[in-house]
PDB file of N, CA and C in Angstrom:
ATOM      1  N   MET A   1      93.134 108.213  64.242  1.00  0.00           N
ATOM      2  CA  MET A   1      93.623 106.921  64.702  1.00  0.00           C
ATOM      3  C   MET A   1      93.435 106.775  66.216  1.00  0.00           C
ATOM      4  N   ILE A   2      93.814 107.801  66.969  1.00  0.00           N
ATOM      5  CA  ILE A   2      93.696 107.740  68.435  1.00  0.00           C
ATOM      6  C   ILE A   2      92.229 107.640  68.842  1.00  0.00           C
ATOM      7  N   LEU A   3      91.369 108.403  68.173  1.00  0.00           N
ATOM      8  CA  LEU A   3      89.941 108.361  68.486  1.00  0.00           C
ATOM      9  C   LEU A   3      89.364 106.977  68.197  1.00  0.00           C
ATOM     10  N   GLN A   4      89.789 106.352  67.126  1.00  0.00           N
ATOM     11  CA  GLN A   4      89.308 105.017  66.781  1.00  0.00           C
ATOM     12  C   GLN A   4      89.713 103.996  67.848  1.00  0.00           C
ATOM     13  N   VAL A   5      90.939 104.087  68.334  1.00  0.00           N
ATOM     14  CA  VAL A   5      91.400 103.180  69.393  1.00  0.00           C
ATOM     15  C   VAL A   5      90.616 103.417  70.667  1.00  0.00           C
ATOM     16  N   PHE A   6      90.369 104.678  71.001  1.00  0.00           N
ATOM     17  CA  PHE A   6      89.608 104.999  72.206  1.00  0.00           C
ATOM     18  C   PHE A   6      88.191 104.438  72.136  1.00  0.00           C
ATOM     19  N   VAL A   7      87.537 104.600  71.014  1.00  0.00           N
ATOM     20  CA  VAL A   7      86.166 104.093  70.853  1.00  0.00           C
ATOM     21  C   VAL A   7      86.146 102.568  70.933  1.00  0.00           C
ATOM     22  N   THR A   8      87.130 101.923  70.334  1.00  0.00           N
ATOM     23  CA  THR A   8      87.198 100.454  70.375  1.00  0.00           C
ATOM     24  C   THR A   8      87.413  99.963  71.801  1.00  0.00           C
ATOM     25  N   LEU A   9      88.339 100.568  72.520  1.00  0.00           N
ATOM     26  CA  LEU A   9      88.593 100.162  73.903  1.00  0.00           C
ATOM     27  C   LEU A   9      87.400 100.467  74.791  1.00  0.00           C
ATOM     28  N   ASN A  10      86.708 101.560  74.533  1.00  0.00           N
ATOM     29  CA  ASN A  10      85.518 101.889  75.314  1.00  0.00           C
ATOM     30  C   ASN A  10      84.434 100.835  75.097  1.00  0.00           C
ATOM     31  N   GLY A  11      84.289 100.357  73.875  1.00  0.00           N
ATOM     32  CA  GLY A  11      83.309  99.314  73.583  1.00  0.00           C
ATOM     33  C   GLY A  11      83.654  98.005  74.270  1.00  0.00           C
ATOM     34  N   ILE A  12      84.937  97.682  74.323  1.00  0.00           N
ATOM     35  CA  ILE A  12      85.374  96.448  74.996  1.00  0.00           C
ATOM     36  C   ILE A  12      85.204  96.575  76.507  1.00  0.00           C
ATOM     37  N   ALA A  13      85.542  97.744  77.046  1.00  0.00           N
ATOM     38  CA  ALA A  13      85.508  97.942  78.492  1.00  0.00           C
ATOM     39  C   ALA A  13      84.087  97.944  79.049  1.00  0.00           C
ATOM     40  N   THR A  14      83.095  98.240  78.238  1.00  0.00           N
ATOM     41  CA  THR A  14      81.724  98.257  78.736  1.00  0.00           C
ATOM     42  C   THR A  14      81.056  96.892  78.640  1.00  0.00           C
ATOM     43  N   SER A  15      81.731  95.914  78.084  1.00  0.00           N
ATOM     44  CA  SER A  15      81.181  94.568  78.008  1.00  0.00           C
ATOM     45  C   SER A  15      81.234  93.921  79.395  1.00  0.00           C
ATOM     46  N   PRO A  16      80.130  93.347  79.864  1.00  0.00           N
ATOM     47  CA  PRO A  16      80.137  92.752  81.208  1.00  0.00           C
ATOM     48  C   PRO A  16      81.097  91.572  81.344  1.00  0.00           C
ATOM     49  N   PHE A  17      81.299  90.833  80.276  1.00  0.00           N
ATOM     50  CA  PHE A  17      82.208  89.689  80.356  1.00  0.00           C
ATOM     51  C   PHE A  17      83.650  90.149  80.523  1.00  0.00           C
ATOM     52  N   VAL A  18      84.012  91.176  79.786  1.00  0.00           N
ATOM     53  CA  VAL A  18      85.367  91.721  79.906  1.00  0.00           C
ATOM     54  C   VAL A  18      85.573  92.301  81.299  1.00  0.00           C
ATOM     55  N   LEU A  19      84.565  92.980  81.818  1.00  0.00           N
ATOM     56  CA  LEU A  19      84.680  93.557  83.163  1.00  0.00           C
ATOM     57  C   LEU A  19      84.829  92.470  84.220  1.00  0.00           C
ATOM     58  N   LEU A  20      84.142  91.349  84.059  1.00  0.00           N
ATOM     59  CA  LEU A  20      84.298  90.236  85.001  1.00  0.00           C
ATOM     60  C   LEU A  20      85.706  89.657  84.945  1.00  0.00           C
ATOM     61  N   VAL A  21      86.219  89.488  83.739  1.00  0.00           N
ATOM     62  CA  VAL A  21      87.581  88.974  83.591  1.00  0.00           C
ATOM     63  C   VAL A  21      88.585  89.937  84.224  1.00  0.00           C
ATOM     64  N   LEU A  22      88.426  91.231  83.966  1.00  0.00           N
ATOM     65  CA  LEU A  22      89.313  92.225  84.561  1.00  0.00           C
ATOM     66  C   LEU A  22      89.202  92.253  86.079  1.00  0.00           C
ATOM     67  N   ALA A  23      88.001  92.040  86.607  1.00  0.00           N
ATOM     68  CA  ALA A  23      87.823  92.007  88.058  1.00  0.00           C
ATOM     69  C   ALA A  23      88.563  90.822  88.675  1.00  0.00           C
ATOM     70  N   PHE A  24      88.464  89.661  88.054  1.00  0.00           N
ATOM     71  CA  PHE A  24      89.173  88.490  88.571  1.00  0.00           C
ATOM     72  C   PHE A  24      90.688  88.660  88.478  1.00  0.00           C
ATOM     73  N   ILE A  25      91.149  89.219  87.376  1.00  0.00           N
ATOM     74  CA  ILE A  25      92.588  89.467  87.228  1.00  0.00           C
ATOM     75  C   ILE A  25      93.057  90.475  88.273  1.00  0.00           C
ATOM     76  N   GLY A  26      92.284  91.520  88.488  1.00  0.00           N
ATOM     77  CA  GLY A  26      92.638  92.523  89.490  1.00  0.00           C
ATOM     78  C   GLY A  26      92.651  91.953  90.891  1.00  0.00           C
ATOM     79  N   ALA A  27      91.686  91.099  91.212  1.00  0.00           N
ATOM     80  CA  ALA A  27      91.651  90.483  92.542  1.00  0.00           C
ATOM     81  C   ALA A  27      92.854  89.568  92.751  1.00  0.00           C
ATOM     82  N   TYR A  28      93.191  88.811  91.732  1.00  0.00           N
ATOM     83  CA  TYR A  28      94.355  87.924  91.836  1.00  0.00           C
ATOM     84  C   TYR A  28      95.644  88.725  92.010  1.00  0.00           C
ATOM     85  N   LEU A  29      95.824  89.726  91.170  1.00  0.00           N
ATOM     86  CA  LEU A  29      97.040  90.535  91.266  1.00  0.00           C
ATOM     87  C   LEU A  29      97.100  91.295  92.589  1.00  0.00           C
ATOM     88  N   GLY A  30      95.961  91.736  93.080  1.00  0.00           N
ATOM     89  CA  GLY A  30      95.930  92.428  94.366  1.00  0.00           C
ATOM     90  C   GLY A  30      96.353  91.516  95.500  1.00  0.00           C
ATOM     91  N   SER A  31      95.900  90.282  95.484  1.00  0.00           N
ATOM     92  CA  SER A  31      96.291  89.349  96.544  1.00  0.00           C
ATOM     93  C   SER A  31      97.769  89.010  96.459  1.00  0.00           C
ATOM     94  N   ARG A  32      98.305  88.932  95.245  1.00  0.00           N
ATOM     95  CA  ARG A  32      99.743  88.657  95.079  1.00  0.00           C
ATOM     96  C   ARG A  32     100.582  89.833  95.564  1.00  0.00           C
ATOM     97  N   VAL A  33     100.147  91.046  95.280  1.00  0.00           N
ATOM     98  CA  VAL A  33     100.894  92.234  95.697  1.00  0.00           C
ATOM     99  C   VAL A  33     100.913  92.349  97.213  1.00  0.00           C
ATOM    100  N   VAL A  34      99.797  92.037  97.857  1.00  0.00           N
ATOM    101  CA  VAL A  34      99.736  92.113  99.317  1.00  0.00           C
ATOM    102  C   VAL A  34     100.732  91.139  99.935  1.00  0.00           C
ATOM    103  N   GLU A  35     100.906  89.974  99.344  1.00  0.00           N
ATOM    104  CA  GLU A  35     101.862  88.997  99.872  1.00  0.00           C
ATOM    105  C   GLU A  35     103.306  89.428  99.628  1.00  0.00           C
ATOM    106  N   ILE A  36     103.545  90.164  98.571  1.00  0.00           N
ATOM    107  CA  ILE A  36     104.912  90.548  98.220  1.00  0.00           C
ATOM    108  C   ILE A  36     105.409  91.725  99.058  1.00  0.00           C
ATOM    109  N   ILE A  37     104.543  92.707  99.307  1.00  0.00           N
ATOM    110  CA  ILE A  37     104.960  93.911 100.027  1.00  0.00           C
ATOM    111  C   ILE A  37     105.183  93.561 101.499  1.00  0.00           C
ATOM    112  N   PRO A  38     106.390  93.790 102.034  1.00  0.00           N
ATOM    113  CA  PRO A  38     106.701  93.399 103.414  1.00  0.00           C
ATOM    114  C   PRO A  38     105.821  94.092 104.459  1.00  0.00           C
ATOM    115  N   PHE A  39     105.499  95.367 104.257  1.00  0.00           N
ATOM    116  CA  PHE A  39     104.696  96.095 105.238  1.00  0.00           C
ATOM    117  C   PHE A  39     103.316  95.456 105.406  1.00  0.00           C
ATOM    118  N   THR A  40     102.653  95.134 104.294  1.00  0.00           N
ATOM    119  CA  THR A  40     101.331  94.532 104.389  1.00  0.00           C
ATOM    120  C   THR A  40     101.417  93.103 104.923  1.00  0.00           C
ATOM    121  N   ARG A  41     102.509  92.415 104.625  1.00  0.00           N
ATOM    122  CA  ARG A  41     102.676  91.058 105.143  1.00  0.00           C
ATOM    123  C   ARG A  41     102.757  91.088 106.671  1.00  0.00           C
ATOM    124  N   ARG A  42     103.461  92.088 107.224  1.00  0.00           N
ATOM    125  CA  ARG A  42     103.556  92.206 108.679  1.00  0.00           C
ATOM    126  C   ARG A  42     102.199  92.484 109.302  1.00  0.00           C
ATOM    127  N   ILE A  43     101.397  93.309 108.662  1.00  0.00           N
ATOM    128  CA  ILE A  43     100.056  93.605 109.174  1.00  0.00           C
ATOM    129  C   ILE A  43      99.216  92.334 109.203  1.00  0.00           C
ATOM    130  N   ILE A  44      99.277  91.554 108.140  1.00  0.00           N
ATOM    131  CA  ILE A  44      98.506  90.313 108.076  1.00  0.00           C
ATOM    132  C   ILE A  44      98.985  89.335 109.148  1.00  0.00           C
ATOM    133  N   GLU A  45     100.291  89.220 109.333  1.00  0.00           N
ATOM    134  CA  GLU A  45     100.818  88.302 110.349  1.00  0.00           C
ATOM    135  C   GLU A  45     100.397  88.730 111.747  1.00  0.00           C
ATOM    136  N   ARG A  46     100.381  90.036 112.019  1.00  0.00           N
ATOM    137  CA  ARG A  46      99.929  90.518 113.329  1.00  0.00           C
ATOM    138  C   ARG A  46      98.461  90.183 113.565  1.00  0.00           C
ATOM    139  N   ARG A  47      97.642  90.382 112.555  1.00  0.00           N
ATOM    140  CA  ARG A  47      96.208  90.074 112.700  1.00  0.00           C
ATOM    141  C   ARG A  47      95.992  88.585 112.923  1.00  0.00           C
ATOM    142  N   GLU A  48      96.729  87.749 112.187  1.00  0.00           N
ATOM    143  CA  GLU A  48      96.593  86.306 112.376  1.00  0.00           C
ATOM    144  C   GLU A  48      97.051  85.890 113.765  1.00  0.00           C
ATOM    145  N   ALA A  49      98.141  86.478 114.262  1.00  0.00           N
ATOM    146  CA  ALA A  49      98.632  86.157 115.606  1.00  0.00           C
ATOM    147  C   ALA A  49      97.635  86.613 116.654  1.00  0.00           C
ATOM    148  N   GLN A  50      97.044  87.788 116.447  1.00  0.00           N
ATOM    149  CA  GLN A  50      96.060  88.293 117.391  1.00  0.00           C
ATOM    150  C   GLN A  50      94.806  87.410 117.403  1.00  0.00           C
ATOM    151  N   ALA A  51      94.376  86.958 116.243  1.00  0.00           N
ATOM    152  CA  ALA A  51      93.203  86.082 116.165  1.00  0.00           C
ATOM    153  C   ALA A  51      93.496  84.735 116.831  1.00  0.00           C
ATOM    154  N   ALA A  52      94.713  84.234 116.645  1.00  0.00           N
ATOM    155  CA  ALA A  52      95.092  82.962 117.280  1.00  0.00           C
ATOM    156  C   ALA A  52      95.150  83.105 118.799  1.00  0.00           C
ATOM    157  N   ALA A  53      95.633  84.248 119.265  1.00  0.00           N
ATOM    158  CA  ALA A  53      95.713  84.471 120.710  1.00  0.00           C
ATOM    159  C   ALA A  53      94.320  84.594 121.318  1.00  0.00           C
ATOM    160  N   GLU A  54      93.405  85.188 120.588  1.00  0.00           N
ATOM    161  CA  GLU A  54      92.031  85.326 121.099  1.00  0.00           C
ATOM    162  C   GLU A  54      91.305  83.982 121.145  1.00  0.00           C
ATOM    163  N   ARG A  55      91.657  83.088 120.232  1.00  0.00           N
ATOM    164  CA  ARG A  55      91.025  81.761 120.232  1.00  0.00           C
ATOM    165  C   ARG A  55      91.490  80.909 121.397  1.00  0.00           C
ATOM    166  N   ASP A  56      92.723  81.130 121.853  1.00  0.00           N
ATOM    167  CA  ASP A  56      93.279  80.300 122.940  1.00  0.00           C
ATOM    168  C   ASP A  56      92.817  80.717 124.293  1.00  0.00           C
TER     169      ASP A  56
END
């Protein structure tokens, strides 16, 4: 049973369409996580402030 599930998932995971969908889902979730975590939010705010200061 376990081997059958593994083979089925391996067949799905090697499909280019499934990989594209997983890539988009991963990119979306990654961007959401970066906004949620306070440490990364501070890094982004510092970079934006630094870029704004350089433009002025």
